[in-house]
Amino acid sequence: MTEHEPELYWDSTYAIVVALMEHYPQRRPEAVGLEELAALVEALPGFQDDPAPAAEQFLLDILTVWYEEAT
């Protein structure tokens, strides 16, 4: 992790969305399912949380904010 990458946790919704838009600019949130979203988030530089508790609500929140920011 570089010093410029924020530490990301499941409840860091907005920071995760910013990182998704930066690292996956070609991806559209409406075309990403929850399982794929979990994998994308876990692969982000700076992701520090345990991948196991990827609660559906966290994923839905991330997807909602990503859609709002992308449109």
PDB file of N, CA and C in Angstrom:
ATOM      1  N   MET A   1       0.847  -1.174   0.000  1.00  0.00           N
ATOM      2  CA  MET A   1       0.000   0.000   0.000  1.00  0.00           C
ATOM      3  C   MET A   1       0.892   1.237   0.000  1.00  0.00           C
ATOM      4  N   THR A   2       0.599   2.184  -0.864  1.00  0.00           N
ATOM      5  CA  THR A   2       1.368   3.412  -0.881  1.00  0.00           C
ATOM      6  C   THR A   2       0.805   4.357   0.168  1.00  0.00           C
ATOM      7  N   GLU A   3       1.554   5.407   0.447  1.00  0.00           N
ATOM      8  CA  GLU A   3       1.065   6.358   1.441  1.00  0.00           C
ATOM      9  C   GLU A   3      -0.131   7.148   0.926  1.00  0.00           C
ATOM     10  N   HIS A   4      -0.371   7.106  -0.392  1.00  0.00           N
ATOM     11  CA  HIS A   4      -1.491   7.837  -0.976  1.00  0.00           C
ATOM     12  C   HIS A   4      -2.788   7.029  -0.998  1.00  0.00           C
ATOM     13  N   GLU A   5      -2.690   5.744  -0.757  1.00  0.00           N
ATOM     14  CA  GLU A   5      -3.881   4.899  -0.755  1.00  0.00           C
ATOM     15  C   GLU A   5      -4.498   4.900   0.634  1.00  0.00           C
ATOM     16  N   PRO A   6      -5.785   5.244   0.730  1.00  0.00           N
ATOM     17  CA  PRO A   6      -6.426   5.209   2.051  1.00  0.00           C
ATOM     18  C   PRO A   6      -6.637   3.762   2.492  1.00  0.00           C
ATOM     19  N   GLU A   7      -6.701   3.566   3.794  1.00  0.00           N
ATOM     20  CA  GLU A   7      -7.075   2.250   4.300  1.00  0.00           C
ATOM     21  C   GLU A   7      -8.573   2.115   4.118  1.00  0.00           C
ATOM     22  N   LEU A   8      -8.983   1.029   3.513  1.00  0.00           N
ATOM     23  CA  LEU A   8     -10.393   0.814   3.201  1.00  0.00           C
ATOM     24  C   LEU A   8     -10.957  -0.327   4.032  1.00  0.00           C
ATOM     25  N   TYR A   9     -12.141  -0.097   4.550  1.00  0.00           N
ATOM     26  CA  TYR A   9     -12.882  -1.104   5.315  1.00  0.00           C
ATOM     27  C   TYR A   9     -14.285  -1.157   4.742  1.00  0.00           C
ATOM     28  N   TRP A  10     -15.009  -2.224   5.020  1.00  0.00           N
ATOM     29  CA  TRP A  10     -16.348  -2.394   4.432  1.00  0.00           C
ATOM     30  C   TRP A  10     -17.250  -1.193   4.667  1.00  0.00           C
ATOM     31  N   ASP A  11     -17.100  -0.521   5.801  1.00  0.00           N
ATOM     32  CA  ASP A  11     -17.984   0.617   6.077  1.00  0.00           C
ATOM     33  C   ASP A  11     -17.440   1.950   5.543  1.00  0.00           C
ATOM     34  N   SER A  12     -16.348   1.901   4.768  1.00  0.00           N
ATOM     35  CA  SER A  12     -15.780   3.103   4.135  1.00  0.00           C
ATOM     36  C   SER A  12     -16.428   3.301   2.765  1.00  0.00           C
ATOM     37  N   THR A  13     -17.729   3.389   2.747  1.00  0.00           N
ATOM     38  CA  THR A  13     -18.489   3.355   1.495  1.00  0.00           C
ATOM     39  C   THR A  13     -17.987   4.356   0.467  1.00  0.00           C
ATOM     40  N   TYR A  14     -17.930   5.628   0.820  1.00  0.00           N
ATOM     41  CA  TYR A  14     -17.567   6.642  -0.177  1.00  0.00           C
ATOM     42  C   TYR A  14     -16.124   6.462  -0.644  1.00  0.00           C
ATOM     43  N   ALA A  15     -15.209   6.179   0.262  1.00  0.00           N
ATOM     44  CA  ALA A  15     -13.807   5.970  -0.115  1.00  0.00           C
ATOM     45  C   ALA A  15     -13.669   4.761  -1.041  1.00  0.00           C
ATOM     46  N   ILE A  16     -14.436   3.728  -0.797  1.00  0.00           N
ATOM     47  CA  ILE A  16     -14.423   2.550  -1.668  1.00  0.00           C
ATOM     48  C   ILE A  16     -14.941   2.927  -3.056  1.00  0.00           C
ATOM     49  N   VAL A  17     -16.014   3.700  -3.112  1.00  0.00           N
ATOM     50  CA  VAL A  17     -16.575   4.111  -4.405  1.00  0.00           C
ATOM     51  C   VAL A  17     -15.552   4.929  -5.194  1.00  0.00           C
ATOM     52  N   VAL A  18     -14.889   5.860  -4.539  1.00  0.00           N
ATOM     53  CA  VAL A  18     -13.868   6.667  -5.208  1.00  0.00           C
ATOM     54  C   VAL A  18     -12.763   5.760  -5.758  1.00  0.00           C
ATOM     55  N   ALA A  19     -12.332   4.808  -4.953  1.00  0.00           N
ATOM     56  CA  ALA A  19     -11.287   3.876  -5.395  1.00  0.00           C
ATOM     57  C   ALA A  19     -11.769   3.004  -6.547  1.00  0.00           C
ATOM     58  N   LEU A  20     -13.013   2.544  -6.498  1.00  0.00           N
ATOM     59  CA  LEU A  20     -13.560   1.743  -7.605  1.00  0.00           C
ATOM     60  C   LEU A  20     -13.567   2.550  -8.896  1.00  0.00           C
ATOM     61  N   MET A  21     -14.002   3.802  -8.818  1.00  0.00           N
ATOM     62  CA  MET A  21     -14.060   4.644 -10.012  1.00  0.00           C
ATOM     63  C   MET A  21     -12.662   4.928 -10.559  1.00  0.00           C
ATOM     64  N   GLU A  22     -11.694   5.026  -9.667  1.00  0.00           N
ATOM     65  CA  GLU A  22     -10.317   5.291 -10.083  1.00  0.00           C
ATOM     66  C   GLU A  22      -9.660   4.047 -10.681  1.00  0.00           C
ATOM     67  N   HIS A  23      -9.855   2.898 -10.047  1.00  0.00           N
ATOM     68  CA  HIS A  23      -9.175   1.677 -10.467  1.00  0.00           C
ATOM     69  C   HIS A  23      -9.919   0.889 -11.537  1.00  0.00           C
ATOM     70  N   TYR A  24     -11.216   1.093 -11.666  1.00  0.00           N
ATOM     71  CA  TYR A  24     -12.018   0.375 -12.660  1.00  0.00           C
ATOM     72  C   TYR A  24     -12.884   1.369 -13.441  1.00  0.00           C
ATOM     73  N   PRO A  25     -12.256   2.341 -14.119  1.00  0.00           N
ATOM     74  CA  PRO A  25     -13.049   3.389 -14.788  1.00  0.00           C
ATOM     75  C   PRO A  25     -13.963   2.859 -15.887  1.00  0.00           C
ATOM     76  N   GLN A  26     -13.631   1.704 -16.438  1.00  0.00           N
ATOM     77  CA  GLN A  26     -14.443   1.128 -17.509  1.00  0.00           C
ATOM     78  C   GLN A  26     -15.670   0.385 -16.981  1.00  0.00           C
ATOM     79  N   ARG A  27     -15.705   0.120 -15.679  1.00  0.00           N
ATOM     80  CA  ARG A  27     -16.814  -0.643 -15.098  1.00  0.00           C
ATOM     81  C   ARG A  27     -17.991   0.268 -14.810  1.00  0.00           C
ATOM     82  N   ARG A  28     -19.187  -0.243 -15.039  1.00  0.00           N
ATOM     83  CA  ARG A  28     -20.424   0.480 -14.740  1.00  0.00           C
ATOM     84  C   ARG A  28     -21.102  -0.235 -13.578  1.00  0.00           C
ATOM     85  N   PRO A  29     -21.510   0.490 -12.563  1.00  0.00           N
ATOM     86  CA  PRO A  29     -22.080  -0.159 -11.376  1.00  0.00           C
ATOM     87  C   PRO A  29     -23.328  -0.984 -11.669  1.00  0.00           C
ATOM     88  N   GLU A  30     -24.125  -0.568 -12.636  1.00  0.00           N
ATOM     89  CA  GLU A  30     -25.352  -1.322 -12.942  1.00  0.00           C
ATOM     90  C   GLU A  30     -25.058  -2.677 -13.577  1.00  0.00           C
ATOM     91  N   ALA A  31     -23.816  -2.895 -14.013  1.00  0.00           N
ATOM     92  CA  ALA A  31     -23.441  -4.163 -14.637  1.00  0.00           C
ATOM     93  C   ALA A  31     -22.647  -5.067 -13.697  1.00  0.00           C
ATOM     94  N   VAL A  32     -22.542  -4.682 -12.422  1.00  0.00           N
ATOM     95  CA  VAL A  32     -21.741  -5.446 -11.462  1.00  0.00           C
ATOM     96  C   VAL A  32     -22.670  -6.090 -10.434  1.00  0.00           C
ATOM     97  N   GLY A  33     -22.567  -7.397 -10.292  1.00  0.00           N
ATOM     98  CA  GLY A  33     -23.343  -8.111  -9.279  1.00  0.00           C
ATOM     99  C   GLY A  33     -22.658  -8.027  -7.924  1.00  0.00           C
ATOM    100  N   LEU A  34     -23.355  -8.433  -6.884  1.00  0.00           N
ATOM    101  CA  LEU A  34     -22.818  -8.315  -5.525  1.00  0.00           C
ATOM    102  C   LEU A  34     -21.571  -9.167  -5.306  1.00  0.00           C
ATOM    103  N   GLU A  35     -21.567 -10.371  -5.840  1.00  0.00           N
ATOM    104  CA  GLU A  35     -20.399 -11.241  -5.664  1.00  0.00           C
ATOM    105  C   GLU A  35     -19.176 -10.646  -6.363  1.00  0.00           C
ATOM    106  N   GLU A  36     -19.382 -10.151  -7.579  1.00  0.00           N
ATOM    107  CA  GLU A  36     -18.286  -9.517  -8.311  1.00  0.00           C
ATOM    108  C   GLU A  36     -17.837  -8.240  -7.601  1.00  0.00           C
ATOM    109  N   LEU A  37     -18.787  -7.462  -7.088  1.00  0.00           N
ATOM    110  CA  LEU A  37     -18.450  -6.248  -6.363  1.00  0.00           C
ATOM    111  C   LEU A  37     -17.559  -6.559  -5.165  1.00  0.00           C
ATOM    112  N   ALA A  38     -17.903  -7.594  -4.421  1.00  0.00           N
ATOM    113  CA  ALA A  38     -17.084  -7.988  -3.269  1.00  0.00           C
ATOM    114  C   ALA A  38     -15.650  -8.279  -3.718  1.00  0.00           C
ATOM    115  N   ALA A  39     -15.493  -8.991  -4.829  1.00  0.00           N
ATOM    116  CA  ALA A  39     -14.154  -9.319  -5.332  1.00  0.00           C
ATOM    117  C   ALA A  39     -13.408  -8.054  -5.777  1.00  0.00           C
ATOM    118  N   LEU A  40     -14.100  -7.128  -6.428  1.00  0.00           N
ATOM    119  CA  LEU A  40     -13.466  -5.878  -6.857  1.00  0.00           C
ATOM    120  C   LEU A  40     -12.993  -5.070  -5.647  1.00  0.00           C
ATOM    121  N   VAL A  41     -13.834  -4.970  -4.634  1.00  0.00           N
ATOM    122  CA  VAL A  41     -13.476  -4.206  -3.430  1.00  0.00           C
ATOM    123  C   VAL A  41     -12.282  -4.853  -2.730  1.00  0.00           C
ATOM    124  N   GLU A  42     -12.326  -6.160  -2.579  1.00  0.00           N
ATOM    125  CA  GLU A  42     -11.240  -6.864  -1.889  1.00  0.00           C
ATOM    126  C   GLU A  42      -9.913  -6.726  -2.627  1.00  0.00           C
ATOM    127  N   ALA A  43      -9.953  -6.512  -3.947  1.00  0.00           N
ATOM    128  CA  ALA A  43      -8.732  -6.374  -4.745  1.00  0.00           C
ATOM    129  C   ALA A  43      -8.184  -4.944  -4.755  1.00  0.00           C
ATOM    130  N   LEU A  44      -8.923  -3.992  -4.201  1.00  0.00           N
ATOM    131  CA  LEU A  44      -8.462  -2.610  -4.201  1.00  0.00           C
ATOM    132  C   LEU A  44      -7.221  -2.438  -3.336  1.00  0.00           C
ATOM    133  N   PRO A  45      -6.266  -1.625  -3.811  1.00  0.00           N
ATOM    134  CA  PRO A  45      -5.125  -1.304  -2.950  1.00  0.00           C
ATOM    135  C   PRO A  45      -5.643  -0.595  -1.701  1.00  0.00           C
ATOM    136  N   GLY A  46      -5.148  -0.967  -0.583  1.00  0.00           N
ATOM    137  CA  GLY A  46      -5.565  -0.327   0.654  1.00  0.00           C
ATOM    138  C   GLY A  46      -6.699  -1.027   1.371  1.00  0.00           C
ATOM    139  N   PHE A  47      -7.305  -2.040   0.738  1.00  0.00           N
ATOM    140  CA  PHE A  47      -8.388  -2.754   1.424  1.00  0.00           C
ATOM    141  C   PHE A  47      -7.790  -3.545   2.580  1.00  0.00           C
ATOM    142  N   GLN A  48      -8.248  -3.244   3.794  1.00  0.00           N
ATOM    143  CA  GLN A  48      -7.654  -3.811   5.008  1.00  0.00           C
ATOM    144  C   GLN A  48      -8.588  -4.722   5.779  1.00  0.00           C
ATOM    145  N   ASP A  49      -9.846  -4.772   5.394  1.00  0.00           N
ATOM    146  CA  ASP A  49     -10.837  -5.481   6.202  1.00  0.00           C
ATOM    147  C   ASP A  49     -10.825  -6.977   5.905  1.00  0.00           C
ATOM    148  N   ASP A  50     -11.464  -7.715   6.769  1.00  0.00           N
ATOM    149  CA  ASP A  50     -11.627  -9.154   6.598  1.00  0.00           C
ATOM    150  C   ASP A  50     -12.633  -9.372   5.465  1.00  0.00           C
ATOM    151  N   PRO A  51     -12.285 -10.124   4.435  1.00  0.00           N
ATOM    152  CA  PRO A  51     -13.226 -10.325   3.338  1.00  0.00           C
ATOM    153  C   PRO A  51     -14.462 -11.137   3.735  1.00  0.00           C
ATOM    154  N   ALA A  52     -14.379 -11.893   4.807  1.00  0.00           N
ATOM    155  CA  ALA A  52     -15.497 -12.755   5.196  1.00  0.00           C
ATOM    156  C   ALA A  52     -16.793 -11.995   5.509  1.00  0.00           C
ATOM    157  N   PRO A  53     -16.745 -10.875   6.243  1.00  0.00           N
ATOM    158  CA  PRO A  53     -18.016 -10.245   6.592  1.00  0.00           C
ATOM    159  C   PRO A  53     -18.553  -9.276   5.541  1.00  0.00           C
ATOM    160  N   ALA A  54     -18.398  -9.618   4.279  1.00  0.00           N
ATOM    161  CA  ALA A  54     -18.916  -8.748   3.216  1.00  0.00           C
ATOM    162  C   ALA A  54     -20.439  -8.823   3.254  1.00  0.00           C
ATOM    163  N   ALA A  55     -21.000  -8.163   4.237  1.00  0.00           N
ATOM    164  CA  ALA A  55     -22.445  -8.180   4.424  1.00  0.00           C
ATOM    165  C   ALA A  55     -23.133  -7.593   3.198  1.00  0.00           C
ATOM    166  N   GLU A  56     -24.240  -8.187   2.848  1.00  0.00           N
ATOM    167  CA  GLU A  56     -24.986  -7.730   1.684  1.00  0.00           C
ATOM    168  C   GLU A  56     -25.321  -6.248   1.792  1.00  0.00           C
ATOM    169  N   GLN A  57     -25.623  -5.770   2.989  1.00  0.00           N
ATOM    170  CA  GLN A  57     -25.975  -4.351   3.145  1.00  0.00           C
ATOM    171  C   GLN A  57     -24.805  -3.442   2.800  1.00  0.00           C
ATOM    172  N   PHE A  58     -23.582  -3.820   3.192  1.00  0.00           N
ATOM    173  CA  PHE A  58     -22.409  -3.026   2.812  1.00  0.00           C
ATOM    174  C   PHE A  58     -22.295  -2.966   1.293  1.00  0.00           C
ATOM    175  N   LEU A  59     -22.457  -4.114   0.651  1.00  0.00           N
ATOM    176  CA  LEU A  59     -22.331  -4.178  -0.805  1.00  0.00           C
ATOM    177  C   LEU A  59     -23.421  -3.357  -1.490  1.00  0.00           C
ATOM    178  N   LEU A  60     -24.634  -3.439  -0.999  1.00  0.00           N
ATOM    179  CA  LEU A  60     -25.728  -2.654  -1.573  1.00  0.00           C
ATOM    180  C   LEU A  60     -25.479  -1.160  -1.392  1.00  0.00           C
ATOM    181  N   ASP A  61     -24.979  -0.771  -0.242  1.00  0.00           N
ATOM    182  CA  ASP A  61     -24.666   0.636  -0.004  1.00  0.00           C
ATOM    183  C   ASP A  61     -23.589   1.119  -0.964  1.00  0.00           C
ATOM    184  N   ILE A  62     -22.540   0.328  -1.130  1.00  0.00           N
ATOM    185  CA  ILE A  62     -21.457   0.679  -2.050  1.00  0.00           C
ATOM    186  C   ILE A  62     -21.999   0.810  -3.470  1.00  0.00           C
ATOM    187  N   LEU A  63     -22.787  -0.150  -3.894  1.00  0.00           N
ATOM    188  CA  LEU A  63     -23.349  -0.136  -5.240  1.00  0.00           C
ATOM    189  C   LEU A  63     -24.245   1.084  -5.452  1.00  0.00           C
ATOM    190  N   THR A  64     -25.045   1.430  -4.477  1.00  0.00           N
ATOM    191  CA  THR A  64     -25.937   2.589  -4.577  1.00  0.00           C
ATOM    192  C   THR A  64     -25.140   3.883  -4.727  1.00  0.00           C
ATOM    193  N   VAL A  65     -24.141   4.072  -3.874  1.00  0.00           N
ATOM    194  CA  VAL A  65     -23.342   5.291  -3.942  1.00  0.00           C
ATOM    195  C   VAL A  65     -22.545   5.333  -5.239  1.00  0.00           C
ATOM    196  N   TRP A  66     -22.017   4.201  -5.679  1.00  0.00           N
ATOM    197  CA  TRP A  66     -21.261   4.136  -6.937  1.00  0.00           C
ATOM    198  C   TRP A  66     -22.170   4.540  -8.086  1.00  0.00           C
ATOM    199  N   TYR A  67     -23.379   4.019  -8.119  1.00  0.00           N
ATOM    200  CA  TYR A  67     -24.329   4.381  -9.182  1.00  0.00           C
ATOM    201  C   TYR A  67     -24.636   5.876  -9.143  1.00  0.00           C
ATOM    202  N   GLU A  68     -24.861   6.410  -7.955  1.00  0.00           N
ATOM    203  CA  GLU A  68     -25.165   7.838  -7.820  1.00  0.00           C
ATOM    204  C   GLU A  68     -24.000   8.706  -8.291  1.00  0.00           C
ATOM    205  N   GLU A  69     -22.794   8.297  -7.968  1.00  0.00           N
ATOM    206  CA  GLU A  69     -21.611   9.074  -8.371  1.00  0.00           C
ATOM    207  C   GLU A  69     -21.315   8.955  -9.866  1.00  0.00           C
ATOM    208  N   ALA A  70     -21.642   7.813 -10.437  1.00  0.00           N
ATOM    209  CA  ALA A  70     -21.323   7.564 -11.846  1.00  0.00           C
ATOM    210  C   ALA A  70     -22.338   8.182 -12.800  1.00  0.00           C
ATOM    211  N   THR A  71     -23.514   8.515 -12.294  1.00  0.00           N
ATOM    212  CA  THR A  71     -24.556   9.047 -13.192  1.00  0.00           C
ATOM    213  C   THR A  71     -24.786  10.528 -12.965  1.00  0.00           C
TER     214      THR A  71
END
